[in-house]
Structure formats: C-alpha cells, structure tokens
Amino acid sequence: LNRLQLPSTIKMKAFCVLCTLFILVNSQLRDEIRRAWEEEDAPFLDECAKETNVDPQIPKKMYKDLHFPNEESFHCYVWCLYNRQNALTPDGKDIEVEVLAMHPYVGLELAQRCVEEASIKT
C-alpha cells in the first residue's frame, strides 16, 4: 500500500475508530473478546503488515497489550485491515458502521458511537 494514496485524515479516522472501540469496550479486553478479534484479523495480519511496513509484532500483540502506535505505518495497517474486512465505504474514505457492528462484541450502538467519536477527533 502506497502511503501517498490515502489522505492522512482517512488513515487517522480508521486509527481513531480502532482506539475508540477499545476504550469503549473496556480498558482490558476479556480473553474471549481478544481471541474473537484476533481471529477476525488473522487472515489479513501478515498481508497488511507487509503492505504497510508495520512491525508485524505490533498487530500480533495489539489486543493483548492494548498498544496502538500513533504512527503512519500503523494507521495504514488499520486502514488495510478495515479494507480487507470490507468495513470501508466504497470510496474508502469512511467506515461502514453496519459492517463494523457485525464484528464480535461490537454491535450497532457501539459501532455508531466509535465512528462518531472518531469523526470528531479527525
């Protein structure tokens, strides 16, 4: 993924949605939530890490360590992940609330809140 293809606000919005989701779910993820989200990301982890030049250890441990670097490569990684999970609008500029809501333990209300709060931050 060429980092120049996406405006930084789009990547930052994806990053903010991810961070807001974790804050709203819990400061510490219960094991079953962490495992479910890791399983959801697993098919895309290596591919997105390679495309975005993010250290592959960061996404592998991000749910366990609750560490989300505020770095462009990680923002690109999150965007790539949402893109592969079909969670972006067709133009790739926003998060599809309904798709985000289908992720385990998220739901529509939480997904809407995350996207709204991320929009305020970006």
Protein backbone atom coordinates (compact mmCIF):
# COMPACT_ATOMS: atom_id res chain seq x y z
CA LEU A 1 0.00 0.00 0.00
CA ASN A 2 1.48 3.27 -1.08
CA ARG A 3 1.15 5.65 1.85
CA LEU A 4 0.67 8.54 -0.55
CA GLN A 5 -2.55 7.05 -1.94
CA LEU A 6 -4.59 7.93 1.13
CA PRO A 7 -5.04 11.31 2.75
CA SER A 8 -3.79 11.24 6.32
CA THR A 9 -7.27 12.12 7.63
CA ILE A 10 -8.66 8.85 6.27
CA LYS A 11 -5.92 6.79 7.87
CA MET A 12 -6.26 8.74 11.11
CA LYS A 13 -10.02 8.17 11.16
CA ALA A 14 -9.51 4.39 10.88
CA PHE A 15 -6.95 4.57 13.68
CA CYS A 16 -9.30 6.65 15.86
CA VAL A 17 -12.18 4.22 15.33
CA LEU A 18 -9.97 1.35 16.46
CA CYS A 19 -8.73 3.20 19.54
CA THR A 20 -12.19 4.45 20.49
CA LEU A 21 -13.56 0.94 20.15
CA PHE A 22 -11.05 -0.38 22.66
CA ILE A 23 -11.63 2.44 25.10
CA LEU A 24 -15.39 1.99 24.99
CA VAL A 25 -15.33 -1.81 25.22
CA ASN A 26 -13.04 -1.97 28.21
CA SER A 27 -9.63 -0.87 29.36
CA GLN A 28 -8.71 -4.53 29.47
CA LEU A 29 -10.17 -6.88 26.91
CA ARG A 30 -11.65 -10.06 28.25
CA ASP A 31 -9.93 -13.10 26.80
CA GLU A 32 -12.94 -14.17 24.71
CA ILE A 33 -13.21 -10.72 23.10
CA ARG A 34 -9.48 -10.56 22.44
CA ARG A 35 -9.48 -14.03 20.87
CA ALA A 36 -12.52 -13.25 18.70
CA TRP A 37 -10.95 -10.05 17.37
CA GLU A 38 -7.59 -11.76 16.79
CA GLU A 39 -9.36 -14.49 14.82
CA GLU A 40 -11.20 -11.88 12.78
CA ASP A 41 -7.93 -10.13 11.87
CA ALA A 42 -5.77 -13.24 11.43
CA PRO A 43 -6.40 -13.83 7.70
CA PHE A 44 -5.18 -10.30 6.90
CA LEU A 45 -2.49 -9.68 9.53
CA ASP A 46 0.59 -10.76 7.58
CA GLU A 47 -0.61 -9.32 4.28
CA CYS A 48 -1.45 -5.90 5.76
CA ALA A 49 1.72 -5.79 7.87
CA LYS A 50 3.81 -6.47 4.78
CA GLU A 51 1.94 -3.94 2.61
CA THR A 52 2.25 -1.17 5.19
CA ASN A 53 5.74 -1.94 6.53
CA VAL A 54 4.45 -2.10 10.08
CA ASP A 55 6.39 -4.25 12.53
CA PRO A 56 4.32 -7.50 12.43
CA GLN A 57 4.73 -7.94 16.18
CA ILE A 58 2.66 -4.80 16.84
CA PRO A 59 -0.61 -6.07 15.29
CA LYS A 60 0.01 -9.56 16.66
CA LYS A 61 0.11 -8.19 20.21
CA MET A 62 -2.07 -5.07 19.96
CA TYR A 63 -5.18 -6.61 21.51
CA LYS A 64 -3.27 -8.25 24.33
CA ASP A 65 -1.05 -5.26 25.13
CA LEU A 66 -3.61 -2.60 24.16
CA HIS A 67 -0.81 -0.80 22.36
CA PHE A 68 -1.81 1.20 19.26
CA PRO A 69 1.11 3.30 18.00
CA ASN A 70 0.17 6.72 16.68
CA GLU A 71 2.41 6.22 13.65
CA GLU A 72 1.62 6.46 9.95
CA SER A 73 2.59 2.84 9.23
CA PHE A 74 0.18 1.61 11.92
CA HIS A 75 -2.58 3.93 10.66
CA CYS A 76 -2.07 2.40 7.20
CA TYR A 77 -2.18 -1.07 8.72
CA VAL A 78 -5.55 -0.38 10.39
CA TRP A 79 -6.91 1.06 7.14
CA CYS A 80 -5.69 -2.05 5.28
CA LEU A 81 -7.35 -4.28 7.86
CA TYR A 82 -10.69 -2.47 7.56
CA ASN A 83 -10.38 -2.54 3.78
CA ARG A 84 -9.78 -6.31 3.71
CA GLN A 85 -12.72 -6.83 6.08
CA ASN A 86 -14.94 -4.77 3.74
CA ALA A 87 -15.57 -2.29 6.55
CA LEU A 88 -14.92 0.80 4.40
CA THR A 89 -17.34 2.75 2.26
CA PRO A 90 -16.95 2.16 -1.50
CA ASP A 91 -14.81 5.29 -1.84
CA GLY A 92 -12.56 4.07 1.01
CA LYS A 93 -12.98 7.33 2.90
CA ASP A 94 -15.16 6.21 5.78
CA ILE A 95 -16.01 3.26 8.00
CA GLU A 96 -19.21 1.32 7.29
CA VAL A 97 -20.99 1.37 10.65
CA GLU A 98 -23.11 -1.69 9.79
CA VAL A 99 -20.05 -3.77 8.88
CA LEU A 100 -18.14 -2.67 12.00
CA ALA A 101 -21.22 -3.60 14.05
CA MET A 102 -21.00 -7.20 12.81
CA HIS A 103 -17.61 -7.70 14.46
CA PRO A 104 -17.79 -9.88 17.56
CA TYR A 105 -18.84 -8.00 20.72
CA VAL A 106 -19.34 -4.67 18.92
CA GLY A 107 -22.98 -4.16 17.90
CA LEU A 108 -24.63 -1.24 16.14
CA GLU A 109 -24.77 1.21 19.05
CA LEU A 110 -21.07 0.85 19.89
CA ALA A 111 -20.06 0.97 16.21
CA GLN A 112 -22.02 4.21 15.68
CA ARG A 113 -20.50 5.78 18.76
CA CYS A 114 -16.96 4.83 17.70
CA VAL A 115 -17.36 6.24 14.20
CA GLU A 116 -18.97 9.44 15.53
CA GLU A 117 -16.21 10.00 18.10
CA ALA A 118 -13.51 9.26 15.53
CA SER A 119 -15.05 11.84 13.19
CA ILE A 120 -14.81 14.46 15.93
CA LYS A 121 -11.12 13.63 16.52
CA THR A 122 -10.11 13.83 12.85
